[in-house]
Amino acid sequence: MMADSVAAAPAQLKTGGEYGSRVLAFSPDGKTLAGTIYVPNQPQVTVGLWDLKTGKLKTTLETHPDVRALAFSPDSKTLATGKGGRWTGQIKLWDVKTGKLKRNVASGYSRRDSEGGRIGPYLGIGPVFALAFSPNGKSIAMGTQRDGELSSGGEALILNVATGKVTRTLKFPSHPVSSLAFSPNGRTVAVACQDGRIRLCSVRTGKMLRVTQKHSSLIPAVGFTPDGKSIVSVTDDQKVSFWSAQTGRLTRKLTRRLMNVGGLYKSAPEGFAISKDARTIAACGDEPVIRFASIK
């Protein structure tokens, strides 16, 4: 099934927060964008859901602290949020229409001493730094570091959404995970790591199938074209690349910067998302404005 196009996204939209959105996600139907809204002195993180046709805020979710990842279900009716704290991790599911919590999927924590130092491995899933639903909605993949957020290694865990049980673990001993995406047929998962490479792995066996060449910078967003033939990646220096899913080779690269995203402190943008049809990029820097760029 072909992905829906983004519903005539505006050139930009204002988040209503004090700073920019560090985490963004497009709904598969192309109608909604989810993003974090920074509100000072608020313990919970607010996630906004914007109508991409009008640019207006539809609803907000009062989620957990330290939201590091967002992902919509294939039918666009559910949003998954991932907590990526230093000591704890959690995945929650929210009703997109009502903004209400549906349930918790999984959680994890570490044992600490009296001064807060970690004294044991993570119990459960670990902190959540990336999320992606499988095409059938029955599984969700997450990027984590179960030895702590300061560790050098990373893992991609594939969980059963209904039970929260881990069904597959992909280990990357020296490479924390920055983003990930399932292929349209659900057989493979593309895992972007902080060494600047994308690893394409089998969901069934966990075997690493292919590795791309190194990107110019970190990869905060990765996706597939609707036909599954290409992997699309965006680096935090605003460069877009297309890779053959069959060979892992670079097939196309946009060398121009996508948009002038900086902000109050002129830093590189942190929040990125790729639409399901792989034609639109959303990005946000320090200022509370999300901008959009076409990559046709």
C-alpha atoms as a PDB file:
ATOM      1  CA  MET A   1       0.000   0.000   0.000  1.00  0.00           C
ATOM      2  CA  MET A   2       1.373   3.379  -1.011  1.00  0.00           C
ATOM      3  CA  ALA A   3       1.946   5.919   1.718  1.00  0.00           C
ATOM      4  CA  ASP A   4      -0.239   8.995   1.709  1.00  0.00           C
ATOM      5  CA  SER A   5       1.393  12.287   0.759  1.00  0.00           C
ATOM      6  CA  VAL A   6       1.822  14.979   3.378  1.00  0.00           C
ATOM      7  CA  ALA A   7      -1.338  17.066   3.383  1.00  0.00           C
ATOM      8  CA  ALA A   8       0.018  20.276   1.815  1.00  0.00           C
ATOM      9  CA  ALA A   9       2.279  21.009   4.788  1.00  0.00           C
ATOM     10  CA  PRO A  10       2.821  24.709   5.539  1.00  0.00           C
ATOM     11  CA  ALA A  11       6.291  26.177   5.048  1.00  0.00           C
ATOM     12  CA  GLN A  12       6.568  26.325   8.829  1.00  0.00           C
ATOM     13  CA  LEU A  13       4.525  26.146  12.024  1.00  0.00           C
ATOM     14  CA  LYS A  14       5.044  27.573  15.486  1.00  0.00           C
ATOM     15  CA  THR A  15       5.133  25.121  18.382  1.00  0.00           C
ATOM     16  CA  GLY A  16       3.968  27.509  21.089  1.00  0.00           C
ATOM     17  CA  GLY A  17       6.851  26.475  23.337  1.00  0.00           C
ATOM     18  CA  GLU A  18       9.856  28.474  24.486  1.00  0.00           C
ATOM     19  CA  TYR A  19      12.424  26.470  22.516  1.00  0.00           C
ATOM     20  CA  GLY A  20      12.386  24.116  19.566  1.00  0.00           C
ATOM     21  CA  SER A  21      11.122  20.518  19.280  1.00  0.00           C
ATOM     22  CA  ARG A  22      13.888  17.970  19.750  1.00  0.00           C
ATOM     23  CA  VAL A  23      11.734  15.050  18.631  1.00  0.00           C
ATOM     24  CA  LEU A  24       9.374  14.962  15.614  1.00  0.00           C
ATOM     25  CA  ALA A  25       7.271  12.328  13.805  1.00  0.00           C
ATOM     26  CA  PHE A  26       4.940  12.314  10.787  1.00  0.00           C
ATOM     27  CA  SER A  27       1.764  10.219  10.851  1.00  0.00           C
ATOM     28  CA  PRO A  28       1.678   7.616   8.038  1.00  0.00           C
ATOM     29  CA  ASP A  29      -1.509   9.138   6.601  1.00  0.00           C
ATOM     30  CA  GLY A  30       0.339  12.435   6.151  1.00  0.00           C
ATOM     31  CA  LYS A  31      -2.208  14.463   8.123  1.00  0.00           C
ATOM     32  CA  THR A  32      -0.480  14.992  11.484  1.00  0.00           C
ATOM     33  CA  LEU A  33       2.921  15.965  12.856  1.00  0.00           C
ATOM     34  CA  ALA A  34       3.887  15.154  16.432  1.00  0.00           C
ATOM     35  CA  GLY A  35       6.585  17.050  18.283  1.00  0.00           C
ATOM     36  CA  THR A  36       7.751  17.931  21.767  1.00  0.00           C
ATOM     37  CA  ILE A  37       6.853  21.348  23.193  1.00  0.00           C
ATOM     38  CA  TYR A  38       9.260  22.803  25.726  1.00  0.00           C
ATOM     39  CA  VAL A  39       7.450  24.465  28.613  1.00  0.00           C
ATOM     40  CA  PRO A  40       9.732  25.833  31.381  1.00  0.00           C
ATOM     41  CA  ASN A  41       9.410  24.443  34.918  1.00  0.00           C
ATOM     42  CA  GLN A  42       7.087  21.644  33.860  1.00  0.00           C
ATOM     43  CA  PRO A  43       8.067  18.141  35.047  1.00  0.00           C
ATOM     44  CA  GLN A  44       6.217  16.336  32.265  1.00  0.00           C
ATOM     45  CA  VAL A  45       6.987  16.813  28.563  1.00  0.00           C
ATOM     46  CA  THR A  46       4.142  18.114  26.425  1.00  0.00           C
ATOM     47  CA  VAL A  47       3.804  16.545  22.974  1.00  0.00           C
ATOM     48  CA  GLY A  48       1.835  18.518  20.406  1.00  0.00           C
ATOM     49  CA  LEU A  49      -0.161  17.095  17.503  1.00  0.00           C
ATOM     50  CA  TRP A  50      -0.480  19.541  14.600  1.00  0.00           C
ATOM     51  CA  ASP A  51      -2.803  19.414  11.615  1.00  0.00           C
ATOM     52  CA  LEU A  52      -0.496  19.550   8.600  1.00  0.00           C
ATOM     53  CA  LYS A  53      -3.125  21.067   6.353  1.00  0.00           C
ATOM     54  CA  THR A  54      -3.876  24.047   8.571  1.00  0.00           C
ATOM     55  CA  GLY A  55      -0.746  24.192  10.736  1.00  0.00           C
ATOM     56  CA  LYS A  56      -2.942  24.389  13.819  1.00  0.00           C
ATOM     57  CA  LEU A  57      -2.403  22.498  17.068  1.00  0.00           C
ATOM     58  CA  LYS A  58      -5.071  19.781  17.379  1.00  0.00           C
ATOM     59  CA  THR A  59      -4.308  18.402  20.828  1.00  0.00           C
ATOM     60  CA  THR A  60      -1.541  17.913  23.368  1.00  0.00           C
ATOM     61  CA  LEU A  61      -0.336  14.938  25.394  1.00  0.00           C
ATOM     62  CA  GLU A  62       1.061  15.377  28.901  1.00  0.00           C
ATOM     63  CA  THR A  63       3.628  12.601  28.715  1.00  0.00           C
ATOM     64  CA  HIS A  64       6.564  11.444  30.838  1.00  0.00           C
ATOM     65  CA  PRO A  65       9.823  13.389  31.405  1.00  0.00           C
ATOM     66  CA  ASP A  66      12.761  12.940  29.014  1.00  0.00           C
ATOM     67  CA  VAL A  67      10.809  12.115  25.847  1.00  0.00           C
ATOM     68  CA  ARG A  68      13.462  11.162  23.308  1.00  0.00           C
ATOM     69  CA  ALA A  69      11.414   9.313  20.665  1.00  0.00           C
ATOM     70  CA  LEU A  70       8.014   9.398  18.938  1.00  0.00           C
ATOM     71  CA  ALA A  71       6.375   7.016  16.452  1.00  0.00           C
ATOM     72  CA  PHE A  72       2.898   6.679  14.948  1.00  0.00           C
ATOM     73  CA  SER A  73       1.173   3.323  14.445  1.00  0.00           C
ATOM     74  CA  PRO A  74       0.548   2.320  10.793  1.00  0.00           C
ATOM     75  CA  ASP A  75      -3.116   3.393  10.993  1.00  0.00           C
ATOM     76  CA  SER A  76      -2.087   6.805  12.432  1.00  0.00           C
ATOM     77  CA  LYS A  77      -4.475   6.341  15.389  1.00  0.00           C
ATOM     78  CA  THR A  78      -1.851   5.694  18.078  1.00  0.00           C
ATOM     79  CA  LEU A  79       1.307   7.564  19.055  1.00  0.00           C
ATOM     80  CA  ALA A  80       4.135   5.865  20.918  1.00  0.00           C
ATOM     81  CA  THR A  81       6.347   7.974  23.181  1.00  0.00           C
ATOM     82  CA  GLY A  82       9.719   6.833  24.488  1.00  0.00           C
ATOM     83  CA  LYS A  83      11.382   7.996  27.690  1.00  0.00           C
ATOM     84  CA  GLY A  84      15.161   8.127  27.546  1.00  0.00           C
ATOM     85  CA  GLY A  85      16.299   9.151  31.010  1.00  0.00           C
ATOM     86  CA  ARG A  86      19.691   8.372  32.469  1.00  0.00           C
ATOM     87  CA  TRP A  87      18.316   5.704  34.771  1.00  0.00           C
ATOM     88  CA  THR A  88      14.966   4.707  33.333  1.00  0.00           C
ATOM     89  CA  GLY A  89      13.183   3.942  30.070  1.00  0.00           C
ATOM     90  CA  GLN A  90       9.522   3.610  29.159  1.00  0.00           C
ATOM     91  CA  ILE A  91       7.255   3.253  26.106  1.00  0.00           C
ATOM     92  CA  LYS A  92       3.674   4.512  26.292  1.00  0.00           C
ATOM     93  CA  LEU A  93       0.828   4.437  23.759  1.00  0.00           C
ATOM     94  CA  TRP A  94      -1.542   7.390  23.323  1.00  0.00           C
ATOM     95  CA  ASP A  95      -4.836   7.842  21.510  1.00  0.00           C
ATOM     96  CA  VAL A  96      -4.196  10.432  18.778  1.00  0.00           C
ATOM     97  CA  LYS A  97      -7.820  11.580  18.594  1.00  0.00           C
ATOM     98  CA  THR A  98      -8.422  12.095  22.315  1.00  0.00           C
ATOM     99  CA  GLY A  99      -4.879  12.645  23.591  1.00  0.00           C
ATOM    100  CA  LYS A 100      -5.474  10.104  26.363  1.00  0.00           C
ATOM    101  CA  LEU A 101      -3.063   7.422  27.522  1.00  0.00           C
ATOM    102  CA  LYS A 102      -4.006   3.968  26.231  1.00  0.00           C
ATOM    103  CA  ARG A 103      -1.416   1.898  28.093  1.00  0.00           C
ATOM    104  CA  ASN A 104       2.228   1.262  28.887  1.00  0.00           C
ATOM    105  CA  VAL A 105       4.073  -1.142  26.603  1.00  0.00           C
ATOM    106  CA  ALA A 106       7.317  -1.679  28.499  1.00  0.00           C
ATOM    107  CA  SER A 107       9.675  -0.039  30.966  1.00  0.00           C
ATOM    108  CA  GLY A 108      13.151  -0.463  32.405  1.00  0.00           C
ATOM    109  CA  TYR A 109      15.348   0.890  35.169  1.00  0.00           C
ATOM    110  CA  SER A 110      18.751   0.391  36.760  1.00  0.00           C
ATOM    111  CA  ARG A 111      19.738  -0.374  40.323  1.00  0.00           C
ATOM    112  CA  ARG A 112      21.388   2.614  42.007  1.00  0.00           C
ATOM    113  CA  ASP A 113      23.354   3.245  45.153  1.00  0.00           C
ATOM    114  CA  SER A 114      22.438   5.824  47.796  1.00  0.00           C
ATOM    115  CA  GLU A 115      24.126   8.602  45.799  1.00  0.00           C
ATOM    116  CA  GLY A 116      22.402   7.718  42.538  1.00  0.00           C
ATOM    117  CA  GLY A 117      25.282   5.822  40.945  1.00  0.00           C
ATOM    118  CA  ARG A 118      24.381   2.799  38.812  1.00  0.00           C
ATOM    119  CA  ILE A 119      25.444  -0.499  40.439  1.00  0.00           C
ATOM    120  CA  GLY A 120      23.868  -2.998  38.064  1.00  0.00           C
ATOM    121  CA  PRO A 121      22.655  -3.554  34.506  1.00  0.00           C
ATOM    122  CA  TYR A 122      19.337  -2.216  33.259  1.00  0.00           C
ATOM    123  CA  LEU A 123      16.354  -4.358  34.135  1.00  0.00           C
ATOM    124  CA  GLY A 124      13.944  -4.311  31.230  1.00  0.00           C
ATOM    125  CA  ILE A 125      14.260  -2.279  28.065  1.00  0.00           C
ATOM    126  CA  GLY A 126      16.604   0.534  29.110  1.00  0.00           C
ATOM    127  CA  PRO A 127      16.294   4.199  28.085  1.00  0.00           C
ATOM    128  CA  VAL A 128      14.529   4.821  24.753  1.00  0.00           C
ATOM    129  CA  PHE A 129      16.297   6.920  22.101  1.00  0.00           C
ATOM    130  CA  ALA A 130      14.477   5.869  18.894  1.00  0.00           C
ATOM    131  CA  LEU A 131      11.144   4.229  17.993  1.00  0.00           C
ATOM    132  CA  ALA A 132       9.496   2.714  14.898  1.00  0.00           C
ATOM    133  CA  PHE A 133       6.381   0.597  14.393  1.00  0.00           C
ATOM    134  CA  SER A 134       6.416  -2.429  12.099  1.00  0.00           C
ATOM    135  CA  PRO A 135       4.102  -2.161   9.043  1.00  0.00           C
ATOM    136  CA  ASN A 136       1.520  -4.500  10.611  1.00  0.00           C
ATOM    137  CA  GLY A 137       1.581  -2.613  13.914  1.00  0.00           C
ATOM    138  CA  LYS A 138       2.287  -5.758  15.934  1.00  0.00           C
ATOM    139  CA  SER A 139       5.915  -4.916  16.742  1.00  0.00           C
ATOM    140  CA  ILE A 140       7.809  -1.810  17.738  1.00  0.00           C
ATOM    141  CA  ALA A 141      11.568  -1.317  17.424  1.00  0.00           C
ATOM    142  CA  MET A 142      13.522   0.864  19.812  1.00  0.00           C
ATOM    143  CA  GLY A 143      17.079   2.076  20.128  1.00  0.00           C
ATOM    144  CA  THR A 144      18.595   1.852  23.590  1.00  0.00           C
ATOM    145  CA  GLN A 145      21.764   1.667  25.664  1.00  0.00           C
ATOM    146  CA  ARG A 146      21.047  -0.789  28.439  1.00  0.00           C
ATOM    147  CA  ASP A 147      24.430  -0.160  30.060  1.00  0.00           C
ATOM    148  CA  GLY A 148      23.472   3.491  30.486  1.00  0.00           C
ATOM    149  CA  GLU A 149      23.256   6.549  28.277  1.00  0.00           C
ATOM    150  CA  LEU A 150      26.971   7.254  28.690  1.00  0.00           C
ATOM    151  CA  SER A 151      28.011   3.811  27.416  1.00  0.00           C
ATOM    152  CA  SER A 152      29.663   3.378  24.013  1.00  0.00           C
ATOM    153  CA  GLY A 153      27.479   0.488  22.834  1.00  0.00           C
ATOM    154  CA  GLY A 154      23.913   0.365  21.613  1.00  0.00           C
ATOM    155  CA  GLU A 155      21.097  -2.076  20.927  1.00  0.00           C
ATOM    156  CA  ALA A 156      17.968  -2.196  18.811  1.00  0.00           C
ATOM    157  CA  LEU A 157      15.212  -4.157  20.535  1.00  0.00           C
ATOM    158  CA  ILE A 158      12.104  -5.404  18.738  1.00  0.00           C
ATOM    159  CA  LEU A 159       9.130  -5.760  21.073  1.00  0.00           C
ATOM    160  CA  ASN A 160       5.707  -7.328  20.771  1.00  0.00           C
ATOM    161  CA  VAL A 161       3.318  -4.393  21.162  1.00  0.00           C
ATOM    162  CA  ALA A 162       0.610  -6.500  22.816  1.00  0.00           C
ATOM    163  CA  THR A 163       2.837  -8.129  25.448  1.00  0.00           C
ATOM    164  CA  GLY A 164       5.820  -5.775  25.721  1.00  0.00           C
ATOM    165  CA  LYS A 165       8.160  -8.768  25.424  1.00  0.00           C
ATOM    166  CA  VAL A 166      11.429  -8.438  23.512  1.00  0.00           C
ATOM    167  CA  THR A 167      11.375 -10.758  20.484  1.00  0.00           C
ATOM    168  CA  ARG A 168      14.706  -9.798  18.924  1.00  0.00           C
ATOM    169  CA  THR A 169      17.845  -8.028  20.137  1.00  0.00           C
ATOM    170  CA  LEU A 170      20.333  -6.481  17.724  1.00  0.00           C
ATOM    171  CA  LYS A 171      23.629  -5.544  19.366  1.00  0.00           C
ATOM    172  CA  PHE A 172      26.029  -2.838  18.218  1.00  0.00           C
ATOM    173  CA  PRO A 173      28.878  -3.010  20.779  1.00  0.00           C
ATOM    174  CA  SER A 174      30.574   0.284  19.838  1.00  0.00           C
ATOM    175  CA  HIS A 175      27.734   2.155  18.137  1.00  0.00           C
ATOM    176  CA  PRO A 176      24.771   3.735  19.990  1.00  0.00           C
ATOM    177  CA  VAL A 177      21.556   3.898  17.942  1.00  0.00           C
ATOM    178  CA  SER A 178      20.315   7.318  16.787  1.00  0.00           C
ATOM    179  CA  SER A 179      17.288   6.371  14.615  1.00  0.00           C
ATOM    180  CA  LEU A 180      15.652   3.360  12.959  1.00  0.00           C
ATOM    181  CA  ALA A 181      12.901   2.319  10.531  1.00  0.00           C
ATOM    182  CA  PHE A 182      11.204  -0.837   9.282  1.00  0.00           C
ATOM    183  CA  SER A 183      11.137  -1.673   5.587  1.00  0.00           C
ATOM    184  CA  PRO A 184       7.630  -1.593   4.008  1.00  0.00           C
ATOM    185  CA  ASN A 185       7.458  -5.415   3.996  1.00  0.00           C
ATOM    186  CA  GLY A 186       8.544  -5.588   7.650  1.00  0.00           C
ATOM    187  CA  ARG A 187      11.350  -8.053   6.961  1.00  0.00           C
ATOM    188  CA  THR A 188      14.262  -5.730   7.640  1.00  0.00           C
ATOM    189  CA  VAL A 189      15.033  -2.811   9.918  1.00  0.00           C
ATOM    190  CA  ALA A 190      17.406   0.026   9.083  1.00  0.00           C
ATOM    191  CA  VAL A 191      19.393   1.077  12.154  1.00  0.00           C
ATOM    192  CA  ALA A 192      21.284   4.373  12.021  1.00  0.00           C
ATOM    193  CA  CYS A 193      24.136   4.451  14.521  1.00  0.00           C
ATOM    194  CA  GLN A 194      26.197   7.264  15.963  1.00  0.00           C
ATOM    195  CA  ASP A 195      29.250   6.219  13.948  1.00  0.00           C
ATOM    196  CA  GLY A 196      27.438   7.709  10.916  1.00  0.00           C
ATOM    197  CA  ARG A 197      26.531   4.416   9.258  1.00  0.00           C
ATOM    198  CA  ILE A 198      23.209   2.647   8.642  1.00  0.00           C
ATOM    199  CA  ARG A 199      23.015  -1.086   9.304  1.00  0.00           C
ATOM    200  CA  LEU A 200      20.304  -3.076   7.560  1.00  0.00           C
ATOM    201  CA  CYS A 201      19.330  -6.115   9.654  1.00  0.00           C
ATOM    202  CA  SER A 202      16.982  -9.074   9.264  1.00  0.00           C
ATOM    203  CA  VAL A 203      14.022  -8.927  11.655  1.00  0.00           C
ATOM    204  CA  ARG A 204      13.637 -12.712  11.627  1.00  0.00           C
ATOM    205  CA  THR A 205      17.254 -13.714  12.271  1.00  0.00           C
ATOM    206  CA  GLY A 206      18.837 -10.541  13.619  1.00  0.00           C
ATOM    207  CA  LYS A 207      21.633 -10.945  11.073  1.00  0.00           C
ATOM    208  CA  MET A 208      23.284  -7.818   9.736  1.00  0.00           C
ATOM    209  CA  LEU A 209      22.742  -7.775   5.985  1.00  0.00           C
ATOM    210  CA  ARG A 210      24.386  -4.574   4.781  1.00  0.00           C
ATOM    211  CA  VAL A 211      26.194  -1.472   6.053  1.00  0.00           C
ATOM    212  CA  THR A 212      26.292   1.899   4.299  1.00  0.00           C
ATOM    213  CA  GLN A 213      29.332   4.106   4.003  1.00  0.00           C
ATOM    214  CA  LYS A 214      29.846   6.737   6.659  1.00  0.00           C
ATOM    215  CA  HIS A 215      27.678   9.850   6.598  1.00  0.00           C
ATOM    216  CA  SER A 216      29.024  13.377   7.041  1.00  0.00           C
ATOM    217  CA  SER A 217      27.359  13.741  10.446  1.00  0.00           C
ATOM    218  CA  LEU A 218      24.945  12.079  12.890  1.00  0.00           C
ATOM    219  CA  ILE A 219      21.720  10.584  11.468  1.00  0.00           C
ATOM    220  CA  PRO A 220      18.681  11.719  13.503  1.00  0.00           C
ATOM    221  CA  ALA A 221      16.172  10.361  10.951  1.00  0.00           C
ATOM    222  CA  VAL A 222      16.046   7.385   8.598  1.00  0.00           C
ATOM    223  CA  GLY A 223      13.253   5.878   6.501  1.00  0.00           C
ATOM    224  CA  PHE A 224      12.360   3.876   3.394  1.00  0.00           C
ATOM    225  CA  THR A 225      10.756   4.882   0.140  1.00  0.00           C
ATOM    226  CA  PRO A 226       7.256   3.341  -0.230  1.00  0.00           C
ATOM    227  CA  ASP A 227       8.509   0.710  -2.707  1.00  0.00           C
ATOM    228  CA  GLY A 228      11.168  -0.430  -0.226  1.00  0.00           C
ATOM    229  CA  LYS A 229      13.955  -0.097  -2.775  1.00  0.00           C
ATOM    230  CA  SER A 230      15.707   2.860  -1.168  1.00  0.00           C
ATOM    231  CA  ILE A 231      16.679   3.997   2.321  1.00  0.00           C
ATOM    232  CA  VAL A 232      16.455   7.733   3.002  1.00  0.00           C
ATOM    233  CA  SER A 233      18.649   9.366   5.630  1.00  0.00           C
ATOM    234  CA  VAL A 234      18.931  12.886   7.014  1.00  0.00           C
ATOM    235  CA  THR A 235      21.990  14.111   8.885  1.00  0.00           C
ATOM    236  CA  ASP A 236      21.993  16.870  11.469  1.00  0.00           C
ATOM    237  CA  ASP A 237      23.899  19.101   9.018  1.00  0.00           C
ATOM    238  CA  GLN A 238      20.715  18.965   6.884  1.00  0.00           C
ATOM    239  CA  LYS A 239      21.958  16.676   4.100  1.00  0.00           C
ATOM    240  CA  VAL A 240      19.704  14.012   2.551  1.00  0.00           C
ATOM    241  CA  SER A 241      21.002  10.750   1.063  1.00  0.00           C
ATOM    242  CA  PHE A 242      19.373   7.834  -0.741  1.00  0.00           C
ATOM    243  CA  TRP A 243      20.815   4.326  -0.452  1.00  0.00           C
ATOM    244  CA  SER A 244      20.016   1.095  -2.265  1.00  0.00           C
ATOM    245  CA  ALA A 245      18.274  -1.266   0.156  1.00  0.00           C
ATOM    246  CA  GLN A 246      19.571  -4.161  -1.950  1.00  0.00           C
ATOM    247  CA  THR A 247      23.268  -3.232  -1.963  1.00  0.00           C
ATOM    248  CA  GLY A 248      23.668  -0.521   0.692  1.00  0.00           C
ATOM    249  CA  ARG A 249      25.335   1.755  -1.863  1.00  0.00           C
ATOM    250  CA  LEU A 250      24.728   5.485  -2.166  1.00  0.00           C
ATOM    251  CA  THR A 251      22.489   6.243  -5.156  1.00  0.00           C
ATOM    252  CA  ARG A 252      21.683   9.936  -4.691  1.00  0.00           C
ATOM    253  CA  LYS A 253      22.713  12.778  -2.421  1.00  0.00           C
ATOM    254  CA  LEU A 254      21.304  16.264  -1.987  1.00  0.00           C
ATOM    255  CA  THR A 255      24.291  18.444  -1.205  1.00  0.00           C
ATOM    256  CA  ARG A 256      22.359  21.642  -0.542  1.00  0.00           C
ATOM    257  CA  ARG A 257      21.175  22.467   2.954  1.00  0.00           C
ATOM    258  CA  LEU A 258      17.490  21.701   3.281  1.00  0.00           C
ATOM    259  CA  MET A 259      16.496  24.889   5.032  1.00  0.00           C
ATOM    260  CA  ASN A 260      17.840  27.671   7.204  1.00  0.00           C
ATOM    261  CA  VAL A 261      17.250  25.993  10.546  1.00  0.00           C
ATOM    262  CA  GLY A 262      19.253  27.366  13.424  1.00  0.00           C
ATOM    263  CA  GLY A 263      17.602  29.550  15.955  1.00  0.00           C
ATOM    264  CA  LEU A 264      18.286  31.567  19.024  1.00  0.00           C
ATOM    265  CA  TYR A 265      21.756  30.115  19.471  1.00  0.00           C
ATOM    266  CA  LYS A 266      22.429  29.309  15.795  1.00  0.00           C
ATOM    267  CA  SER A 267      23.024  25.661  16.623  1.00  0.00           C
ATOM    268  CA  ALA A 268      22.393  22.708  14.330  1.00  0.00           C
ATOM    269  CA  PRO A 269      18.793  21.448  14.322  1.00  0.00           C
ATOM    270  CA  GLU A 270      18.072  18.531  16.637  1.00  0.00           C
ATOM    271  CA  GLY A 271      14.567  17.484  15.662  1.00  0.00           C
ATOM    272  CA  PHE A 272      14.049  15.782  12.281  1.00  0.00           C
ATOM    273  CA  ALA A 273      11.387  13.575  10.710  1.00  0.00           C
ATOM    274  CA  ILE A 274      10.881  11.975   7.287  1.00  0.00           C
ATOM    275  CA  SER A 275       7.351  11.611   5.915  1.00  0.00           C
ATOM    276  CA  LYS A 276       6.080   8.130   5.047  1.00  0.00           C
ATOM    277  CA  ASP A 277       6.151   8.921   1.326  1.00  0.00           C
ATOM    278  CA  ALA A 278       9.816  10.011   1.704  1.00  0.00           C
ATOM    279  CA  ARG A 279       9.090  13.347   0.027  1.00  0.00           C
ATOM    280  CA  THR A 280       9.026  15.784   2.949  1.00  0.00           C
ATOM    281  CA  ILE A 281      11.432  16.555   5.788  1.00  0.00           C
ATOM    282  CA  ALA A 282      10.458  18.361   8.991  1.00  0.00           C
ATOM    283  CA  ALA A 283      13.188  19.981  11.082  1.00  0.00           C
ATOM    284  CA  CYS A 284      13.430  22.173  14.159  1.00  0.00           C
ATOM    285  CA  GLY A 285      16.321  24.048  15.744  1.00  0.00           C
ATOM    286  CA  ASP A 286      16.506  26.132  18.915  1.00  0.00           C
ATOM    287  CA  GLU A 287      13.634  28.442  18.070  1.00  0.00           C
ATOM    288  CA  PRO A 288      10.058  27.117  18.481  1.00  0.00           C
ATOM    289  CA  VAL A 289       9.399  26.898  14.731  1.00  0.00           C
ATOM    290  CA  ILE A 290       9.188  23.670  12.731  1.00  0.00           C
ATOM    291  CA  ARG A 291      10.122  24.032   9.068  1.00  0.00           C
ATOM    292  CA  PHE A 292       9.385  21.754   6.124  1.00  0.00           C
ATOM    293  CA  ALA A 293      11.316  20.981   2.952  1.00  0.00           C
ATOM    294  CA  SER A 294      10.455  18.942  -0.116  1.00  0.00           C
ATOM    295  CA  ILE A 295      12.942  16.298  -1.304  1.00  0.00           C
ATOM    296  CA  LYS A 296      11.212  15.295  -4.547  1.00  0.00           C
END
